[in-house]
Amino acid sequence: MKRVWVVVASSTVARLFAAESAAGPLEELEEMVHPEGRLHERELVSDLPGRTFDSTGAGRHAKAAGVAPKEQEAVNFAIQVAERLEAGRTEGRFDALVLVAAPRFLGLLRGRLSPPARERVILELDQNLVHLDGREIREHLPERLYPTL
């Protein structure tokens, strides 16, 4: 019997569930909250962007920001979630992984998983279901999470 972890995430909340059997219910194990993801851009930035000189002449202009602060917070949270999943993998807490997340966050999370954790992903669902309870989330997943022998 495989131990399956189901991660249901957005840029502000990640919920970790376990399924003890291929067709069994989900049991919530943990919730990670990232309140910075709910802040507005102006609350994430401490001041105006720096200024720089033009390469020629005496003109000055504001420096362009590399990554929007809100996007950076989503990246930071994806890293935290990926680190938690990696810890679970190295502790042998799951054999297979299901990722359920809003499309943008799913891409961020997928890109931050270690190669061994990525190999354990058996299903990805690009929907934001963090507001649903375990029973409702389970209804969005296949009847059997993995084939049985």
N, C-alpha and C. Protein backbone atom coordinates (compact mmCIF):
# COMPACT_ATOMS: atom_id res chain seq x y z
N MET A 1 0.84 -1.18 0.00
CA MET A 1 0.00 0.00 0.00
C MET A 1 0.89 1.25 0.00
N LYS A 2 0.61 2.16 -0.91
CA LYS A 2 1.37 3.40 -0.99
C LYS A 2 0.83 4.42 0.00
N ARG A 3 1.74 5.22 0.54
CA ARG A 3 1.34 6.37 1.34
C ARG A 3 1.38 7.58 0.41
N VAL A 4 0.25 8.24 0.27
CA VAL A 4 0.14 9.37 -0.66
C VAL A 4 -0.08 10.65 0.13
N TRP A 5 0.71 11.65 -0.19
CA TRP A 5 0.46 12.99 0.34
C TRP A 5 -0.19 13.80 -0.77
N VAL A 6 -1.19 14.57 -0.39
CA VAL A 6 -1.88 15.47 -1.31
C VAL A 6 -1.65 16.89 -0.80
N VAL A 7 -1.02 17.71 -1.61
CA VAL A 7 -0.76 19.11 -1.25
C VAL A 7 -1.74 19.97 -2.01
N VAL A 8 -2.51 20.77 -1.28
CA VAL A 8 -3.48 21.69 -1.88
C VAL A 8 -3.00 23.08 -1.50
N ALA A 9 -2.63 23.89 -2.50
CA ALA A 9 -1.94 25.14 -2.18
C ALA A 9 -2.37 26.31 -3.05
N SER A 10 -2.13 27.49 -2.49
CA SER A 10 -2.23 28.76 -3.21
C SER A 10 -1.01 29.57 -2.78
N SER A 11 -0.93 30.80 -3.19
CA SER A 11 0.23 31.62 -2.80
C SER A 11 0.17 32.06 -1.34
N THR A 12 -0.93 31.76 -0.64
CA THR A 12 -1.06 32.18 0.76
C THR A 12 -1.27 31.03 1.74
N VAL A 13 -1.74 29.88 1.27
CA VAL A 13 -2.04 28.74 2.14
C VAL A 13 -1.64 27.45 1.44
N ALA A 14 -1.06 26.53 2.21
CA ALA A 14 -0.79 25.18 1.71
C ALA A 14 -1.31 24.21 2.75
N ARG A 15 -2.12 23.27 2.31
CA ARG A 15 -2.67 22.25 3.21
C ARG A 15 -2.16 20.90 2.76
N LEU A 16 -1.72 20.13 3.73
CA LEU A 16 -1.13 18.83 3.47
C LEU A 16 -2.06 17.74 3.99
N PHE A 17 -2.42 16.83 3.10
CA PHE A 17 -3.32 15.72 3.43
C PHE A 17 -2.60 14.41 3.18
N ALA A 18 -3.08 13.36 3.85
CA ALA A 18 -2.58 12.01 3.60
C ALA A 18 -3.74 11.13 3.19
N ALA A 19 -3.48 10.24 2.25
CA ALA A 19 -4.45 9.21 1.86
C ALA A 19 -3.80 7.87 2.18
N GLU A 20 -4.44 7.11 3.03
CA GLU A 20 -3.87 5.84 3.47
C GLU A 20 -4.17 4.69 2.51
N SER A 21 -5.07 4.91 1.57
CA SER A 21 -5.36 3.89 0.56
C SER A 21 -5.69 4.58 -0.76
N ALA A 22 -5.65 3.82 -1.85
CA ALA A 22 -5.86 4.39 -3.18
C ALA A 22 -7.20 5.09 -3.34
N ALA A 23 -8.23 4.57 -2.67
CA ALA A 23 -9.57 5.14 -2.80
C ALA A 23 -10.07 5.74 -1.49
N GLY A 24 -9.18 5.87 -0.52
CA GLY A 24 -9.58 6.32 0.80
C GLY A 24 -9.77 7.82 0.92
N PRO A 25 -10.32 8.25 2.06
CA PRO A 25 -10.52 9.68 2.31
C PRO A 25 -9.19 10.37 2.60
N LEU A 26 -9.23 11.69 2.59
CA LEU A 26 -8.04 12.48 2.91
C LEU A 26 -8.08 12.88 4.38
N GLU A 27 -6.94 12.76 5.03
CA GLU A 27 -6.81 13.20 6.41
C GLU A 27 -5.86 14.40 6.42
N GLU A 28 -6.33 15.53 6.95
CA GLU A 28 -5.48 16.72 6.97
C GLU A 28 -4.39 16.57 8.02
N LEU A 29 -3.14 16.77 7.59
CA LEU A 29 -1.99 16.64 8.46
C LEU A 29 -1.48 17.98 8.96
N GLU A 30 -1.54 18.98 8.10
CA GLU A 30 -0.85 20.23 8.41
C GLU A 30 -1.37 21.35 7.51
N GLU A 31 -1.29 22.57 8.02
CA GLU A 31 -1.61 23.75 7.22
C GLU A 31 -0.48 24.75 7.38
N MET A 32 0.01 25.24 6.26
CA MET A 32 1.04 26.28 6.25
C MET A 32 0.37 27.56 5.76
N VAL A 33 0.61 28.65 6.47
CA VAL A 33 0.01 29.93 6.10
C VAL A 33 1.13 30.92 5.80
N HIS A 34 0.95 31.67 4.73
CA HIS A 34 1.93 32.69 4.31
C HIS A 34 1.20 34.03 4.20
N PRO A 35 1.04 34.74 5.33
CA PRO A 35 0.24 35.98 5.32
C PRO A 35 0.80 37.06 4.40
N GLU A 36 2.10 37.04 4.14
CA GLU A 36 2.68 38.06 3.26
C GLU A 36 2.09 37.99 1.86
N GLY A 37 1.60 36.83 1.47
CA GLY A 37 0.99 36.68 0.16
C GLY A 37 -0.31 37.44 0.01
N ARG A 38 -0.92 37.81 1.14
CA ARG A 38 -2.18 38.56 1.10
C ARG A 38 -1.96 40.07 1.07
N LEU A 39 -0.74 40.52 1.32
CA LEU A 39 -0.47 41.95 1.37
C LEU A 39 -0.52 42.57 -0.02
N HIS A 40 -0.83 43.85 -0.07
CA HIS A 40 -0.79 44.60 -1.32
C HIS A 40 0.65 44.96 -1.64
N GLU A 41 0.91 45.24 -2.90
CA GLU A 41 2.27 45.60 -3.33
C GLU A 41 2.85 46.72 -2.46
N ARG A 42 2.06 47.73 -2.19
CA ARG A 42 2.57 48.89 -1.44
C ARG A 42 2.95 48.51 -0.02
N GLU A 43 2.34 47.44 0.52
CA GLU A 43 2.67 47.00 1.87
C GLU A 43 3.93 46.13 1.89
N LEU A 44 4.32 45.62 0.74
CA LEU A 44 5.51 44.79 0.65
C LEU A 44 6.77 45.58 0.33
N VAL A 45 6.59 46.80 -0.17
CA VAL A 45 7.72 47.63 -0.58
C VAL A 45 7.92 48.71 0.46
N SER A 46 9.17 48.87 0.91
CA SER A 46 9.43 49.82 1.98
C SER A 46 9.55 51.26 1.48
N ASP A 47 9.97 51.45 0.24
CA ASP A 47 10.13 52.80 -0.27
C ASP A 47 10.13 52.79 -1.80
N LEU A 48 10.43 53.92 -2.37
CA LEU A 48 10.48 54.03 -3.83
C LEU A 48 11.69 53.30 -4.38
N PRO A 49 11.64 52.90 -5.64
CA PRO A 49 12.82 52.25 -6.22
C PRO A 49 13.99 53.22 -6.26
N GLY A 50 15.19 52.67 -6.25
CA GLY A 50 16.39 53.50 -6.31
C GLY A 50 16.48 54.23 -7.64
N ARG A 51 17.41 55.17 -7.73
CA ARG A 51 17.58 55.94 -8.95
C ARG A 51 18.97 55.69 -9.49
N THR A 52 19.10 55.83 -10.78
CA THR A 52 20.38 55.60 -11.42
C THR A 52 20.58 56.64 -12.52
N PHE A 53 21.82 56.82 -12.92
CA PHE A 53 22.14 57.74 -14.01
C PHE A 53 22.02 57.03 -15.34
N ASP A 54 21.68 57.78 -16.39
CA ASP A 54 21.71 57.23 -17.74
C ASP A 54 23.15 56.89 -18.10
N SER A 55 23.32 55.97 -19.03
CA SER A 55 24.68 55.59 -19.43
C SER A 55 25.37 56.74 -20.17
N THR A 56 24.58 57.61 -20.80
CA THR A 56 25.15 58.80 -21.43
C THR A 56 24.34 60.00 -21.00
N GLY A 57 24.97 61.11 -20.81
CA GLY A 57 24.26 62.32 -20.42
C GLY A 57 24.08 62.39 -18.91
N ALA A 58 23.33 63.40 -18.50
CA ALA A 58 23.17 63.67 -17.07
C ALA A 58 21.80 63.25 -16.55
N GLY A 59 21.01 62.58 -17.37
CA GLY A 59 19.67 62.19 -16.94
C GLY A 59 19.68 61.11 -15.87
N ARG A 60 18.62 61.12 -15.05
CA ARG A 60 18.45 60.09 -14.02
C ARG A 60 17.05 59.51 -14.15
N HIS A 61 16.92 58.27 -13.77
CA HIS A 61 15.60 57.64 -13.80
C HIS A 61 15.53 56.57 -12.72
N ALA A 62 14.31 56.16 -12.41
CA ALA A 62 14.13 55.12 -11.40
C ALA A 62 14.61 53.78 -11.95
N LYS A 63 15.23 53.00 -11.09
CA LYS A 63 15.66 51.66 -11.48
C LYS A 63 14.44 50.75 -11.57
N ALA A 64 14.43 49.90 -12.54
CA ALA A 64 13.33 48.95 -12.68
C ALA A 64 13.47 47.84 -11.64
N ALA A 65 12.36 47.49 -11.05
CA ALA A 65 12.38 46.39 -10.09
C ALA A 65 12.52 45.08 -10.86
N GLY A 66 13.31 44.14 -10.34
CA GLY A 66 13.52 42.86 -11.01
C GLY A 66 12.26 42.01 -11.02
N VAL A 67 11.76 41.67 -9.86
CA VAL A 67 10.57 40.85 -9.71
C VAL A 67 9.59 41.61 -8.83
N ALA A 68 8.34 41.60 -9.20
CA ALA A 68 7.32 42.28 -8.39
C ALA A 68 7.32 41.67 -6.99
N PRO A 69 7.19 42.49 -5.96
CA PRO A 69 7.22 41.98 -4.58
C PRO A 69 6.20 40.88 -4.31
N LYS A 70 5.01 41.01 -4.85
CA LYS A 70 3.98 39.99 -4.63
C LYS A 70 4.39 38.66 -5.27
N GLU A 71 4.97 38.73 -6.44
CA GLU A 71 5.46 37.52 -7.11
C GLU A 71 6.61 36.90 -6.32
N GLN A 72 7.49 37.74 -5.77
CA GLN A 72 8.60 37.22 -4.96
C GLN A 72 8.09 36.51 -3.72
N GLU A 73 7.02 37.02 -3.11
CA GLU A 73 6.44 36.35 -1.94
C GLU A 73 5.86 35.00 -2.32
N ALA A 74 5.27 34.89 -3.50
CA ALA A 74 4.75 33.60 -3.97
C ALA A 74 5.91 32.62 -4.17
N VAL A 75 7.01 33.10 -4.73
CA VAL A 75 8.20 32.26 -4.91
C VAL A 75 8.72 31.80 -3.55
N ASN A 76 8.80 32.73 -2.59
CA ASN A 76 9.28 32.39 -1.25
C ASN A 76 8.42 31.30 -0.62
N PHE A 77 7.11 31.41 -0.78
CA PHE A 77 6.21 30.42 -0.19
C PHE A 77 6.34 29.08 -0.92
N ALA A 78 6.50 29.11 -2.23
CA ALA A 78 6.70 27.86 -2.98
C ALA A 78 7.96 27.15 -2.48
N ILE A 79 8.99 27.90 -2.18
CA ILE A 79 10.23 27.32 -1.64
C ILE A 79 9.95 26.68 -0.28
N GLN A 80 9.20 27.37 0.58
CA GLN A 80 8.88 26.81 1.91
C GLN A 80 8.09 25.51 1.78
N VAL A 81 7.11 25.49 0.90
CA VAL A 81 6.30 24.28 0.71
C VAL A 81 7.17 23.16 0.16
N ALA A 82 8.01 23.47 -0.83
CA ALA A 82 8.90 22.45 -1.41
C ALA A 82 9.86 21.90 -0.36
N GLU A 83 10.36 22.77 0.53
CA GLU A 83 11.25 22.30 1.60
C GLU A 83 10.51 21.37 2.55
N ARG A 84 9.25 21.66 2.84
CA ARG A 84 8.46 20.79 3.72
C ARG A 84 8.24 19.43 3.06
N LEU A 85 7.96 19.44 1.77
CA LEU A 85 7.77 18.18 1.04
C LEU A 85 9.07 17.38 0.98
N GLU A 86 10.18 18.06 0.81
CA GLU A 86 11.47 17.38 0.78
C GLU A 86 11.76 16.74 2.13
N ALA A 87 11.43 17.43 3.22
CA ALA A 87 11.62 16.86 4.55
C ALA A 87 10.77 15.60 4.71
N GLY A 88 9.53 15.65 4.27
CA GLY A 88 8.66 14.47 4.33
C GLY A 88 9.20 13.32 3.49
N ARG A 89 9.76 13.65 2.35
CA ARG A 89 10.32 12.61 1.47
C ARG A 89 11.53 11.95 2.14
N THR A 90 12.45 12.75 2.66
CA THR A 90 13.66 12.18 3.27
C THR A 90 13.35 11.41 4.54
N GLU A 91 12.25 11.76 5.21
CA GLU A 91 11.82 11.02 6.40
C GLU A 91 11.03 9.76 6.04
N GLY A 92 10.76 9.56 4.75
CA GLY A 92 10.01 8.39 4.30
C GLY A 92 8.54 8.43 4.65
N ARG A 93 7.98 9.64 4.74
CA ARG A 93 6.58 9.79 5.16
C ARG A 93 5.59 9.56 4.02
N PHE A 94 6.04 9.60 2.77
CA PHE A 94 5.13 9.34 1.65
C PHE A 94 5.88 8.64 0.52
N ASP A 95 5.10 7.93 -0.29
CA ASP A 95 5.64 7.24 -1.46
C ASP A 95 5.26 7.95 -2.75
N ALA A 96 4.13 8.64 -2.72
CA ALA A 96 3.61 9.32 -3.90
C ALA A 96 3.06 10.68 -3.47
N LEU A 97 3.03 11.59 -4.43
CA LEU A 97 2.65 12.97 -4.14
C LEU A 97 1.65 13.45 -5.19
N VAL A 98 0.61 14.13 -4.71
CA VAL A 98 -0.38 14.76 -5.59
C VAL A 98 -0.31 16.26 -5.33
N LEU A 99 -0.17 17.05 -6.38
CA LEU A 99 -0.11 18.50 -6.27
C LEU A 99 -1.41 19.10 -6.81
N VAL A 100 -2.07 19.91 -5.98
CA VAL A 100 -3.29 20.60 -6.39
C VAL A 100 -3.06 22.07 -6.06
N ALA A 101 -3.02 22.92 -7.08
CA ALA A 101 -2.76 24.34 -6.83
C ALA A 101 -3.27 25.18 -7.98
N ALA A 102 -3.47 26.46 -7.68
CA ALA A 102 -3.81 27.41 -8.74
C ALA A 102 -2.70 27.34 -9.79
N PRO A 103 -3.03 27.48 -11.08
CA PRO A 103 -2.04 27.27 -12.14
C PRO A 103 -0.71 27.99 -11.94
N ARG A 104 -0.75 29.25 -11.59
CA ARG A 104 0.50 30.01 -11.44
C ARG A 104 1.35 29.44 -10.31
N PHE A 105 0.70 29.16 -9.17
CA PHE A 105 1.45 28.64 -8.02
C PHE A 105 1.91 27.20 -8.28
N LEU A 106 1.13 26.43 -9.01
CA LEU A 106 1.53 25.07 -9.34
C LEU A 106 2.85 25.08 -10.10
N GLY A 107 2.99 26.00 -11.04
CA GLY A 107 4.24 26.12 -11.79
C GLY A 107 5.41 26.50 -10.89
N LEU A 108 5.17 27.44 -9.97
CA LEU A 108 6.23 27.84 -9.04
C LEU A 108 6.64 26.66 -8.15
N LEU A 109 5.66 25.95 -7.64
CA LEU A 109 5.94 24.82 -6.75
C LEU A 109 6.66 23.70 -7.49
N ARG A 110 6.18 23.37 -8.65
CA ARG A 110 6.81 22.31 -9.46
C ARG A 110 8.29 22.63 -9.69
N GLY A 111 8.58 23.89 -9.98
CA GLY A 111 9.95 24.29 -10.25
C GLY A 111 10.86 24.29 -9.04
N ARG A 112 10.29 24.25 -7.85
CA ARG A 112 11.11 24.27 -6.62
C ARG A 112 11.27 22.89 -6.00
N LEU A 113 10.57 21.89 -6.50
CA LEU A 113 10.71 20.54 -5.96
C LEU A 113 12.06 19.95 -6.34
N SER A 114 12.63 19.19 -5.44
CA SER A 114 13.88 18.48 -5.75
C SER A 114 13.57 17.41 -6.79
N PRO A 115 14.56 16.99 -7.57
CA PRO A 115 14.31 15.91 -8.54
C PRO A 115 13.73 14.65 -7.90
N PRO A 116 14.22 14.18 -6.74
CA PRO A 116 13.61 12.98 -6.14
C PRO A 116 12.14 13.20 -5.74
N ALA A 117 11.81 14.39 -5.25
CA ALA A 117 10.41 14.67 -4.89
C ALA A 117 9.55 14.74 -6.16
N ARG A 118 10.09 15.35 -7.20
CA ARG A 118 9.36 15.46 -8.47
C ARG A 118 9.05 14.08 -9.05
N GLU A 119 9.96 13.12 -8.86
CA GLU A 119 9.74 11.76 -9.35
C GLU A 119 8.56 11.09 -8.65
N ARG A 120 8.20 11.56 -7.47
CA ARG A 120 7.10 10.95 -6.72
C ARG A 120 5.73 11.56 -7.06
N VAL A 121 5.72 12.61 -7.87
CA VAL A 121 4.45 13.24 -8.25
C VAL A 121 3.70 12.30 -9.20
N ILE A 122 2.50 11.90 -8.79
CA ILE A 122 1.69 10.99 -9.61
C ILE A 122 0.52 11.71 -10.28
N LEU A 123 0.21 12.92 -9.80
CA LEU A 123 -0.92 13.66 -10.35
C LEU A 123 -0.76 15.14 -10.03
N GLU A 124 -1.10 15.98 -11.00
CA GLU A 124 -1.16 17.43 -10.79
C GLU A 124 -2.54 17.90 -11.23
N LEU A 125 -3.13 18.76 -10.42
CA LEU A 125 -4.43 19.33 -10.74
C LEU A 125 -4.32 20.84 -10.60
N ASP A 126 -4.51 21.58 -11.69
CA ASP A 126 -4.32 23.03 -11.66
C ASP A 126 -5.63 23.75 -11.33
N GLN A 127 -6.03 23.60 -10.06
CA GLN A 127 -7.21 24.28 -9.53
C GLN A 127 -6.91 24.78 -8.13
N ASN A 128 -7.50 25.90 -7.76
CA ASN A 128 -7.34 26.42 -6.40
C ASN A 128 -8.47 25.85 -5.55
N LEU A 129 -8.15 24.86 -4.72
CA LEU A 129 -9.15 24.19 -3.89
C LEU A 129 -8.87 24.36 -2.40
N VAL A 130 -8.02 25.31 -2.02
CA VAL A 130 -7.63 25.44 -0.61
C VAL A 130 -8.81 25.75 0.30
N HIS A 131 -9.87 26.32 -0.23
CA HIS A 131 -11.03 26.70 0.59
C HIS A 131 -11.98 25.52 0.85
N LEU A 132 -11.73 24.37 0.23
CA LEU A 132 -12.61 23.21 0.39
C LEU A 132 -12.14 22.31 1.54
N ASP A 133 -13.06 21.53 2.08
CA ASP A 133 -12.65 20.57 3.11
C ASP A 133 -12.11 19.31 2.43
N GLY A 134 -11.54 18.42 3.23
CA GLY A 134 -10.91 17.22 2.70
C GLY A 134 -11.84 16.36 1.84
N ARG A 135 -13.08 16.22 2.26
CA ARG A 135 -14.05 15.41 1.50
C ARG A 135 -14.30 16.03 0.13
N GLU A 136 -14.47 17.35 0.08
CA GLU A 136 -14.73 18.03 -1.20
C GLU A 136 -13.50 17.97 -2.11
N ILE A 137 -12.32 18.11 -1.52
CA ILE A 137 -11.09 18.00 -2.32
C ILE A 137 -10.99 16.60 -2.91
N ARG A 138 -11.29 15.59 -2.10
CA ARG A 138 -11.20 14.20 -2.57
C ARG A 138 -12.12 13.97 -3.76
N GLU A 139 -13.26 14.65 -3.80
CA GLU A 139 -14.20 14.51 -4.93
C GLU A 139 -13.62 15.04 -6.24
N HIS A 140 -12.65 15.94 -6.17
CA HIS A 140 -12.01 16.49 -7.37
C HIS A 140 -10.90 15.58 -7.90
N LEU A 141 -10.51 14.59 -7.12
CA LEU A 141 -9.42 13.69 -7.49
C LEU A 141 -9.99 12.42 -8.10
N PRO A 142 -9.18 11.67 -8.83
CA PRO A 142 -9.66 10.41 -9.39
C PRO A 142 -10.13 9.46 -8.28
N GLU A 143 -11.05 8.58 -8.63
CA GLU A 143 -11.57 7.63 -7.63
C GLU A 143 -10.43 6.85 -6.98
N ARG A 144 -9.47 6.42 -7.80
CA ARG A 144 -8.29 5.73 -7.28
C ARG A 144 -7.08 6.62 -7.55
N LEU A 145 -6.35 6.94 -6.50
CA LEU A 145 -5.18 7.81 -6.66
C LEU A 145 -4.04 7.10 -7.37
N TYR A 146 -3.99 5.79 -7.25
CA TYR A 146 -2.95 5.01 -7.92
C TYR A 146 -3.50 3.61 -8.17
N PRO A 147 -2.97 2.92 -9.16
CA PRO A 147 -3.46 1.57 -9.43
C PRO A 147 -2.99 0.60 -8.35
N THR A 148 -3.82 -0.35 -8.02
CA THR A 148 -3.43 -1.38 -7.06
C THR A 148 -3.16 -2.68 -7.80
N LEU A 149 -2.29 -3.47 -7.25
CA LEU A 149 -1.92 -4.74 -7.89
C LEU A 149 -2.82 -5.86 -7.45
